[in-house]
Amino acid sequence: MAGLKESFRGQCNLHVYFAEQYLAQLESADPAEWGGHIRRATADSLVWQLQLAYQCHLADLIDQQPKFGLALPQGVFNARSFVAAELPPEIEELADRELEPGWLAVMQNYAFVQTTVASPARHGVLAWDGQFEVEAAPDLAACLTELKSMIARHRATLMEY
């Protein structure tokens, strides 16, 4: 029996769905769960799903526009990873937006690895200090909303071709 071929668009949709589930969990999590680490773990998982959805969306854009003859880069990539004389307009737009402050930069530059703060009290120890929600948490709901909006806009544009 032959298996179903997975599409980039389908993968993108799946990662968006997972991101929505993590966002719901993030908004309802008891801060004391997992020794106080539940929000950080859930936020990390949410951002990872956003990044995967973004990469799958880029792959879908390339797949839907074969006239450009672009191959997908190996490993982790973004719109700036594509180098060609001519790029699809959506890829050019995103490459520019990746460099600007905003939701896309927040998503792409998310600090998965916590670093120590030079403080005599901390002695270089990485430990939960309870400040994630207050100081470091980016607006992940806005990132998800913006990503979904951009994906819908690009897909509508592709249907016009």
N, C-alpha and C. Protein backbone atom coordinates (compact mmCIF):
# COMPACT_ATOMS: atom_id res chain seq x y z
N MET A 1 0.84 -1.17 0.00
CA MET A 1 0.00 0.00 0.00
C MET A 1 0.89 1.25 0.00
N ALA A 2 0.64 2.14 -0.89
CA ALA A 2 1.43 3.36 -0.99
C ALA A 2 0.98 4.36 0.07
N GLY A 3 1.94 5.06 0.67
CA GLY A 3 1.64 6.06 1.68
C GLY A 3 1.24 7.38 1.03
N LEU A 4 0.57 8.21 1.78
CA LEU A 4 0.20 9.52 1.28
C LEU A 4 1.42 10.42 1.27
N LYS A 5 1.55 11.18 0.21
CA LYS A 5 2.66 12.12 0.12
C LYS A 5 2.31 13.36 0.95
N GLU A 6 3.21 13.73 1.81
CA GLU A 6 2.98 14.91 2.63
C GLU A 6 3.39 16.15 1.84
N SER A 7 2.59 17.18 1.88
CA SER A 7 2.92 18.42 1.18
C SER A 7 3.51 19.42 2.16
N PHE A 8 4.23 20.39 1.61
CA PHE A 8 4.76 21.46 2.45
C PHE A 8 3.61 22.25 3.08
N ARG A 9 2.56 22.45 2.30
CA ARG A 9 1.40 23.19 2.79
C ARG A 9 0.74 22.44 3.95
N GLY A 10 0.61 21.14 3.79
CA GLY A 10 0.03 20.32 4.86
C GLY A 10 0.89 20.35 6.12
N GLN A 11 2.21 20.28 5.93
CA GLN A 11 3.12 20.36 7.08
C GLN A 11 2.99 21.72 7.76
N CYS A 12 2.90 22.77 6.97
CA CYS A 12 2.74 24.12 7.52
C CYS A 12 1.46 24.20 8.35
N ASN A 13 0.37 23.70 7.79
CA ASN A 13 -0.90 23.71 8.50
C ASN A 13 -0.82 22.95 9.81
N LEU A 14 -0.13 21.82 9.80
CA LEU A 14 0.03 21.01 11.00
C LEU A 14 0.80 21.77 12.08
N HIS A 15 1.89 22.43 11.69
CA HIS A 15 2.68 23.18 12.68
C HIS A 15 1.93 24.39 13.21
N VAL A 16 1.12 25.02 12.38
CA VAL A 16 0.27 26.12 12.85
C VAL A 16 -0.73 25.58 13.87
N TYR A 17 -1.31 24.43 13.58
CA TYR A 17 -2.25 23.81 14.52
C TYR A 17 -1.56 23.52 15.86
N PHE A 18 -0.37 22.93 15.81
CA PHE A 18 0.36 22.65 17.05
C PHE A 18 0.67 23.94 17.80
N ALA A 19 1.04 24.99 17.08
CA ALA A 19 1.33 26.28 17.72
C ALA A 19 0.08 26.80 18.43
N GLU A 20 -1.07 26.65 17.80
CA GLU A 20 -2.32 27.08 18.44
C GLU A 20 -2.57 26.30 19.73
N GLN A 21 -2.28 25.01 19.71
CA GLN A 21 -2.46 24.18 20.90
C GLN A 21 -1.52 24.61 22.02
N TYR A 22 -0.26 24.88 21.68
CA TYR A 22 0.70 25.34 22.69
C TYR A 22 0.32 26.70 23.24
N LEU A 23 -0.22 27.58 22.39
CA LEU A 23 -0.64 28.90 22.86
C LEU A 23 -1.78 28.75 23.87
N ALA A 24 -2.73 27.89 23.57
CA ALA A 24 -3.84 27.65 24.51
C ALA A 24 -3.30 27.11 25.84
N GLN A 25 -2.34 26.20 25.75
CA GLN A 25 -1.74 25.65 26.97
C GLN A 25 -0.97 26.72 27.73
N LEU A 26 -0.25 27.56 27.00
CA LEU A 26 0.53 28.63 27.63
C LEU A 26 -0.39 29.58 28.39
N GLU A 27 -1.53 29.89 27.81
CA GLU A 27 -2.46 30.84 28.43
C GLU A 27 -3.20 30.26 29.63
N SER A 28 -3.25 28.93 29.71
CA SER A 28 -4.00 28.31 30.81
C SER A 28 -3.13 27.56 31.81
N ALA A 29 -1.84 27.52 31.59
CA ALA A 29 -0.95 26.73 32.45
C ALA A 29 -0.85 27.30 33.86
N ASP A 30 -0.79 26.41 34.82
CA ASP A 30 -0.54 26.79 36.21
C ASP A 30 0.96 27.06 36.32
N PRO A 31 1.35 28.28 36.68
CA PRO A 31 2.78 28.63 36.72
C PRO A 31 3.62 27.73 37.63
N ALA A 32 3.00 27.01 38.54
CA ALA A 32 3.75 26.15 39.45
C ALA A 32 4.07 24.78 38.84
N GLU A 33 3.40 24.43 37.73
CA GLU A 33 3.64 23.12 37.10
C GLU A 33 5.09 22.99 36.67
N TRP A 34 5.54 21.77 36.64
CA TRP A 34 6.90 21.40 36.23
C TRP A 34 7.93 22.23 36.99
N GLY A 35 7.69 22.38 38.26
CA GLY A 35 8.65 23.12 39.09
C GLY A 35 8.79 24.57 38.69
N GLY A 36 7.74 25.15 38.10
CA GLY A 36 7.79 26.55 37.67
C GLY A 36 8.31 26.74 36.26
N HIS A 37 8.56 25.65 35.56
CA HIS A 37 9.13 25.74 34.21
C HIS A 37 8.12 25.55 33.10
N ILE A 38 6.86 25.34 33.43
CA ILE A 38 5.86 25.02 32.40
C ILE A 38 5.72 26.11 31.36
N ARG A 39 5.71 27.35 31.78
CA ARG A 39 5.51 28.44 30.81
C ARG A 39 6.70 28.55 29.85
N ARG A 40 7.89 28.40 30.38
CA ARG A 40 9.07 28.48 29.50
C ARG A 40 9.08 27.31 28.52
N ALA A 41 8.81 26.11 29.02
CA ALA A 41 8.81 24.93 28.15
C ALA A 41 7.73 25.05 27.08
N THR A 42 6.57 25.53 27.46
CA THR A 42 5.47 25.66 26.50
C THR A 42 5.77 26.76 25.49
N ALA A 43 6.32 27.88 25.95
CA ALA A 43 6.67 28.97 25.03
C ALA A 43 7.73 28.50 24.04
N ASP A 44 8.73 27.77 24.51
CA ASP A 44 9.76 27.24 23.61
C ASP A 44 9.15 26.33 22.56
N SER A 45 8.23 25.47 22.98
CA SER A 45 7.58 24.56 22.04
C SER A 45 6.72 25.33 21.04
N LEU A 46 6.04 26.35 21.51
CA LEU A 46 5.23 27.20 20.65
C LEU A 46 6.09 27.87 19.58
N VAL A 47 7.19 28.47 20.00
CA VAL A 47 8.06 29.16 19.05
C VAL A 47 8.65 28.17 18.05
N TRP A 48 9.04 26.99 18.52
CA TRP A 48 9.58 25.99 17.61
C TRP A 48 8.55 25.63 16.54
N GLN A 49 7.28 25.49 16.92
CA GLN A 49 6.23 25.19 15.94
C GLN A 49 6.04 26.36 14.98
N LEU A 50 6.13 27.58 15.48
CA LEU A 50 6.03 28.76 14.60
C LEU A 50 7.17 28.76 13.59
N GLN A 51 8.37 28.46 14.04
CA GLN A 51 9.53 28.43 13.14
C GLN A 51 9.39 27.32 12.10
N LEU A 52 8.91 26.16 12.51
CA LEU A 52 8.70 25.07 11.56
C LEU A 52 7.61 25.43 10.55
N ALA A 53 6.54 26.05 11.01
CA ALA A 53 5.47 26.48 10.10
C ALA A 53 6.02 27.49 9.09
N TYR A 54 6.86 28.39 9.55
CA TYR A 54 7.46 29.40 8.67
C TYR A 54 8.33 28.74 7.61
N GLN A 55 9.17 27.80 8.02
CA GLN A 55 10.02 27.11 7.05
C GLN A 55 9.18 26.32 6.05
N CYS A 56 8.14 25.65 6.51
CA CYS A 56 7.27 24.90 5.61
C CYS A 56 6.54 25.85 4.65
N HIS A 57 6.18 27.02 5.13
CA HIS A 57 5.55 28.01 4.26
C HIS A 57 6.52 28.46 3.18
N LEU A 58 7.77 28.72 3.55
CA LEU A 58 8.78 29.08 2.55
C LEU A 58 8.95 27.96 1.52
N ALA A 59 9.00 26.73 2.00
CA ALA A 59 9.13 25.58 1.10
C ALA A 59 7.93 25.51 0.16
N ASP A 60 6.74 25.78 0.68
CA ASP A 60 5.53 25.76 -0.14
C ASP A 60 5.59 26.85 -1.21
N LEU A 61 6.08 28.03 -0.84
CA LEU A 61 6.20 29.11 -1.82
C LEU A 61 7.12 28.69 -2.96
N ILE A 62 8.22 28.06 -2.63
CA ILE A 62 9.17 27.59 -3.65
C ILE A 62 8.55 26.49 -4.49
N ASP A 63 7.88 25.57 -3.83
CA ASP A 63 7.25 24.44 -4.52
C ASP A 63 6.15 24.91 -5.47
N GLN A 64 5.41 25.93 -5.09
CA GLN A 64 4.29 26.43 -5.90
C GLN A 64 4.75 27.32 -7.05
N GLN A 65 6.03 27.70 -7.06
CA GLN A 65 6.55 28.58 -8.11
C GLN A 65 7.79 27.96 -8.73
N PRO A 66 7.63 26.83 -9.43
CA PRO A 66 8.80 26.11 -9.96
C PRO A 66 9.57 26.88 -11.04
N LYS A 67 8.97 27.92 -11.61
CA LYS A 67 9.66 28.67 -12.67
C LYS A 67 10.97 29.30 -12.17
N PHE A 68 11.09 29.49 -10.87
CA PHE A 68 12.31 30.09 -10.32
C PHE A 68 13.43 29.06 -10.17
N GLY A 69 13.09 27.79 -10.19
CA GLY A 69 14.10 26.73 -10.12
C GLY A 69 14.92 26.71 -8.85
N LEU A 70 14.32 27.11 -7.75
CA LEU A 70 15.05 27.16 -6.48
C LEU A 70 14.98 25.83 -5.75
N ALA A 71 16.10 25.44 -5.17
CA ALA A 71 16.14 24.25 -4.33
C ALA A 71 16.06 24.69 -2.87
N LEU A 72 15.52 23.82 -2.04
CA LEU A 72 15.45 24.14 -0.61
C LEU A 72 16.81 23.94 0.02
N PRO A 73 17.23 24.89 0.84
CA PRO A 73 18.50 24.72 1.57
C PRO A 73 18.39 23.55 2.54
N GLN A 74 19.51 22.96 2.87
CA GLN A 74 19.54 21.88 3.85
C GLN A 74 19.47 22.47 5.26
N GLY A 75 18.89 21.73 6.17
CA GLY A 75 18.84 22.15 7.57
C GLY A 75 17.90 23.32 7.80
N VAL A 76 18.17 24.06 8.84
CA VAL A 76 17.34 25.21 9.21
C VAL A 76 17.61 26.34 8.21
N PHE A 77 16.54 26.96 7.73
CA PHE A 77 16.70 28.05 6.77
C PHE A 77 15.62 29.10 6.98
N ASN A 78 15.85 30.25 6.35
CA ASN A 78 14.86 31.32 6.35
C ASN A 78 14.85 31.94 4.96
N ALA A 79 14.13 33.00 4.77
CA ALA A 79 14.02 33.61 3.44
C ALA A 79 15.37 34.15 2.96
N ARG A 80 16.20 34.61 3.88
CA ARG A 80 17.52 35.13 3.50
C ARG A 80 18.48 34.03 3.07
N SER A 81 18.11 32.78 3.27
CA SER A 81 18.96 31.66 2.87
C SER A 81 18.95 31.44 1.36
N PHE A 82 17.93 31.97 0.67
CA PHE A 82 17.82 31.77 -0.77
C PHE A 82 18.64 32.82 -1.50
N VAL A 83 19.50 32.35 -2.39
CA VAL A 83 20.34 33.25 -3.17
C VAL A 83 20.13 32.89 -4.65
N ALA A 84 19.62 33.84 -5.39
CA ALA A 84 19.39 33.64 -6.81
C ALA A 84 19.24 35.00 -7.47
N ALA A 85 19.44 35.02 -8.78
CA ALA A 85 19.29 36.28 -9.52
C ALA A 85 17.86 36.79 -9.43
N GLU A 86 16.91 35.85 -9.42
CA GLU A 86 15.51 36.23 -9.31
C GLU A 86 14.84 35.34 -8.28
N LEU A 87 14.15 35.96 -7.34
CA LEU A 87 13.43 35.23 -6.30
C LEU A 87 11.94 35.54 -6.41
N PRO A 88 11.10 34.62 -5.95
CA PRO A 88 9.67 34.94 -5.89
C PRO A 88 9.46 36.20 -5.04
N PRO A 89 8.51 37.05 -5.41
CA PRO A 89 8.31 38.29 -4.66
C PRO A 89 8.01 38.06 -3.18
N GLU A 90 7.34 36.97 -2.85
CA GLU A 90 7.04 36.68 -1.45
C GLU A 90 8.31 36.40 -0.66
N ILE A 91 9.26 35.71 -1.28
CA ILE A 91 10.53 35.41 -0.61
C ILE A 91 11.32 36.71 -0.42
N GLU A 92 11.34 37.57 -1.44
CA GLU A 92 12.03 38.86 -1.31
C GLU A 92 11.43 39.68 -0.18
N GLU A 93 10.12 39.72 -0.12
CA GLU A 93 9.43 40.46 0.95
C GLU A 93 9.85 39.94 2.32
N LEU A 94 9.84 38.63 2.48
CA LEU A 94 10.16 38.04 3.78
C LEU A 94 11.63 38.22 4.13
N ALA A 95 12.51 38.15 3.15
CA ALA A 95 13.94 38.36 3.41
C ALA A 95 14.16 39.76 3.98
N ASP A 96 13.46 40.74 3.42
CA ASP A 96 13.57 42.11 3.94
C ASP A 96 12.97 42.21 5.35
N ARG A 97 11.82 41.58 5.54
CA ARG A 97 11.14 41.67 6.84
C ARG A 97 11.89 40.94 7.95
N GLU A 98 12.67 39.93 7.60
CA GLU A 98 13.45 39.21 8.62
C GLU A 98 14.47 40.12 9.28
N LEU A 99 14.90 41.17 8.58
CA LEU A 99 15.90 42.09 9.12
C LEU A 99 15.29 43.23 9.92
N GLU A 100 13.98 43.42 9.81
CA GLU A 100 13.32 44.52 10.50
C GLU A 100 12.81 44.08 11.86
N PRO A 101 12.73 45.00 12.82
CA PRO A 101 12.11 44.64 14.10
C PRO A 101 10.64 44.30 13.88
N GLY A 102 10.12 43.40 14.65
CA GLY A 102 8.72 43.02 14.52
C GLY A 102 8.54 41.54 14.83
N TRP A 103 7.35 41.05 14.56
CA TRP A 103 6.99 39.70 14.94
C TRP A 103 7.88 38.64 14.30
N LEU A 104 8.28 38.85 13.04
CA LEU A 104 9.11 37.84 12.37
C LEU A 104 10.49 37.76 13.00
N ALA A 105 11.07 38.90 13.33
CA ALA A 105 12.38 38.92 14.01
C ALA A 105 12.27 38.30 15.40
N VAL A 106 11.18 38.58 16.10
CA VAL A 106 10.96 38.00 17.43
C VAL A 106 10.96 36.49 17.33
N MET A 107 10.24 35.99 16.36
CA MET A 107 10.12 34.55 16.16
C MET A 107 11.45 33.94 15.75
N GLN A 108 12.17 34.60 14.87
CA GLN A 108 13.43 34.05 14.35
C GLN A 108 14.57 34.16 15.35
N ASN A 109 14.55 35.18 16.19
CA ASN A 109 15.66 35.42 17.12
C ASN A 109 15.34 35.01 18.55
N TYR A 110 14.34 34.19 18.71
CA TYR A 110 13.92 33.75 20.04
C TYR A 110 15.07 33.06 20.76
N ALA A 111 15.28 33.40 22.02
CA ALA A 111 16.39 32.84 22.81
C ALA A 111 15.96 31.54 23.48
N PHE A 112 16.17 30.42 22.80
CA PHE A 112 15.85 29.13 23.39
C PHE A 112 16.78 28.81 24.55
N VAL A 113 18.03 29.24 24.45
CA VAL A 113 19.01 28.96 25.49
C VAL A 113 19.12 30.17 26.40
N GLN A 114 18.86 29.95 27.67
CA GLN A 114 18.96 31.03 28.65
C GLN A 114 20.43 31.25 28.98
N THR A 115 20.81 32.50 29.11
CA THR A 115 22.19 32.82 29.49
C THR A 115 22.18 33.41 30.88
N THR A 116 23.31 33.29 31.54
CA THR A 116 23.41 33.81 32.89
C THR A 116 23.56 35.32 32.85
N VAL A 117 23.16 35.94 33.91
CA VAL A 117 23.32 37.37 34.08
C VAL A 117 24.43 37.55 35.11
N ALA A 118 25.37 38.42 34.80
CA ALA A 118 26.48 38.62 35.73
C ALA A 118 25.95 39.21 37.03
N SER A 119 25.92 38.39 38.03
CA SER A 119 25.42 38.82 39.33
C SER A 119 26.09 37.97 40.40
N PRO A 120 26.59 38.60 41.46
CA PRO A 120 27.23 37.82 42.52
C PRO A 120 26.27 36.81 43.16
N ALA A 121 24.99 37.13 43.17
CA ALA A 121 24.02 36.24 43.80
C ALA A 121 23.77 34.98 42.97
N ARG A 122 23.98 35.06 41.68
CA ARG A 122 23.64 33.92 40.81
C ARG A 122 24.83 33.00 40.58
N HIS A 123 26.02 33.47 40.68
CA HIS A 123 27.23 32.66 40.51
C HIS A 123 27.21 31.84 39.23
N GLY A 124 26.70 32.43 38.15
CA GLY A 124 26.71 31.76 36.86
C GLY A 124 25.77 30.58 36.75
N VAL A 125 24.79 30.46 37.64
CA VAL A 125 23.88 29.33 37.60
C VAL A 125 22.66 29.69 36.76
N LEU A 126 22.30 28.78 35.87
CA LEU A 126 21.07 28.97 35.10
C LEU A 126 19.93 28.40 35.92
N ALA A 127 19.07 29.24 36.39
CA ALA A 127 17.94 28.76 37.20
C ALA A 127 16.73 29.62 36.91
N TRP A 128 15.57 29.03 37.10
CA TRP A 128 14.33 29.76 36.89
C TRP A 128 14.23 30.87 37.92
N ASP A 129 14.05 32.09 37.45
CA ASP A 129 13.94 33.20 38.39
C ASP A 129 12.54 33.82 38.37
N GLY A 130 11.62 33.20 37.65
CA GLY A 130 10.25 33.68 37.64
C GLY A 130 10.01 34.92 36.82
N GLN A 131 11.01 35.41 36.10
CA GLN A 131 10.87 36.65 35.36
C GLN A 131 10.46 36.46 33.92
N PHE A 132 10.39 35.23 33.44
CA PHE A 132 10.09 35.01 32.02
C PHE A 132 8.79 35.69 31.60
N GLU A 133 7.71 35.43 32.33
CA GLU A 133 6.42 35.99 31.93
C GLU A 133 6.44 37.51 31.93
N VAL A 134 7.16 38.09 32.85
CA VAL A 134 7.12 39.53 33.02
C VAL A 134 8.07 40.25 32.07
N GLU A 135 9.32 39.80 32.00
CA GLU A 135 10.34 40.55 31.28
C GLU A 135 10.67 40.01 29.89
N ALA A 136 10.76 38.69 29.74
CA ALA A 136 11.33 38.14 28.53
C ALA A 136 10.31 37.57 27.56
N ALA A 137 9.10 37.37 27.99
CA ALA A 137 8.13 36.70 27.12
C ALA A 137 7.69 37.60 25.98
N PRO A 138 8.03 37.23 24.75
CA PRO A 138 7.53 38.02 23.62
C PRO A 138 6.04 37.77 23.45
N ASP A 139 5.38 38.58 22.67
CA ASP A 139 3.96 38.41 22.43
C ASP A 139 3.79 37.30 21.39
N LEU A 140 3.76 36.07 21.87
CA LEU A 140 3.69 34.92 20.98
C LEU A 140 2.33 34.79 20.31
N ALA A 141 1.29 35.26 20.96
CA ALA A 141 -0.04 35.24 20.33
C ALA A 141 -0.02 36.14 19.10
N ALA A 142 0.62 37.29 19.20
CA ALA A 142 0.72 38.20 18.05
C ALA A 142 1.56 37.57 16.94
N CYS A 143 2.63 36.87 17.30
CA CYS A 143 3.46 36.18 16.30
C CYS A 143 2.62 35.16 15.54
N LEU A 144 1.83 34.38 16.25
CA LEU A 144 0.98 33.37 15.62
C LEU A 144 -0.06 34.03 14.71
N THR A 145 -0.70 35.08 15.19
CA THR A 145 -1.71 35.78 14.39
C THR A 145 -1.09 36.35 13.11
N GLU A 146 0.06 36.99 13.24
CA GLU A 146 0.73 37.59 12.08
C GLU A 146 1.18 36.52 11.09
N LEU A 147 1.71 35.42 11.60
CA LEU A 147 2.16 34.33 10.72
C LEU A 147 0.98 33.77 9.93
N LYS A 148 -0.12 33.51 10.62
CA LYS A 148 -1.31 32.97 9.94
C LYS A 148 -1.83 33.96 8.89
N SER A 149 -1.83 35.24 9.20
CA SER A 149 -2.29 36.26 8.26
C SER A 149 -1.39 36.30 7.02
N MET A 150 -0.08 36.26 7.24
CA MET A 150 0.87 36.30 6.13
C MET A 150 0.72 35.06 5.24
N ILE A 151 0.57 33.90 5.87
CA ILE A 151 0.40 32.66 5.11
C ILE A 151 -0.85 32.75 4.24
N ALA A 152 -1.95 33.20 4.82
CA ALA A 152 -3.20 33.33 4.07
C ALA A 152 -3.06 34.31 2.90
N ARG A 153 -2.39 35.42 3.14
CA ARG A 153 -2.18 36.43 2.09
C ARG A 153 -1.35 35.85 0.95
N HIS A 154 -0.26 35.17 1.30
CA HIS A 154 0.60 34.59 0.26
C HIS A 154 -0.13 33.50 -0.53
N ARG A 155 -0.89 32.69 0.16
CA ARG A 155 -1.62 31.62 -0.54
C ARG A 155 -2.66 32.21 -1.49
N ALA A 156 -3.29 33.28 -1.08
CA ALA A 156 -4.26 33.93 -1.97
C ALA A 156 -3.56 34.48 -3.20
N THR A 157 -2.38 35.03 -3.02
CA THR A 157 -1.60 35.55 -4.14
C THR A 157 -1.19 34.44 -5.08
N LEU A 158 -0.77 33.30 -4.53
CA LEU A 158 -0.36 32.17 -5.36
C LEU A 158 -1.51 31.65 -6.20
N MET A 159 -2.72 31.72 -5.68
CA MET A 159 -3.89 31.21 -6.41
C MET A 159 -4.18 32.10 -7.63
N GLU A 160 -3.71 33.34 -7.60
CA GLU A 160 -3.94 34.25 -8.72
C GLU A 160 -3.06 33.93 -9.91
N TYR A 161 -1.92 33.24 -9.69
CA TYR A 161 -0.99 32.95 -10.79
C TYR A 161 -1.58 31.96 -11.76
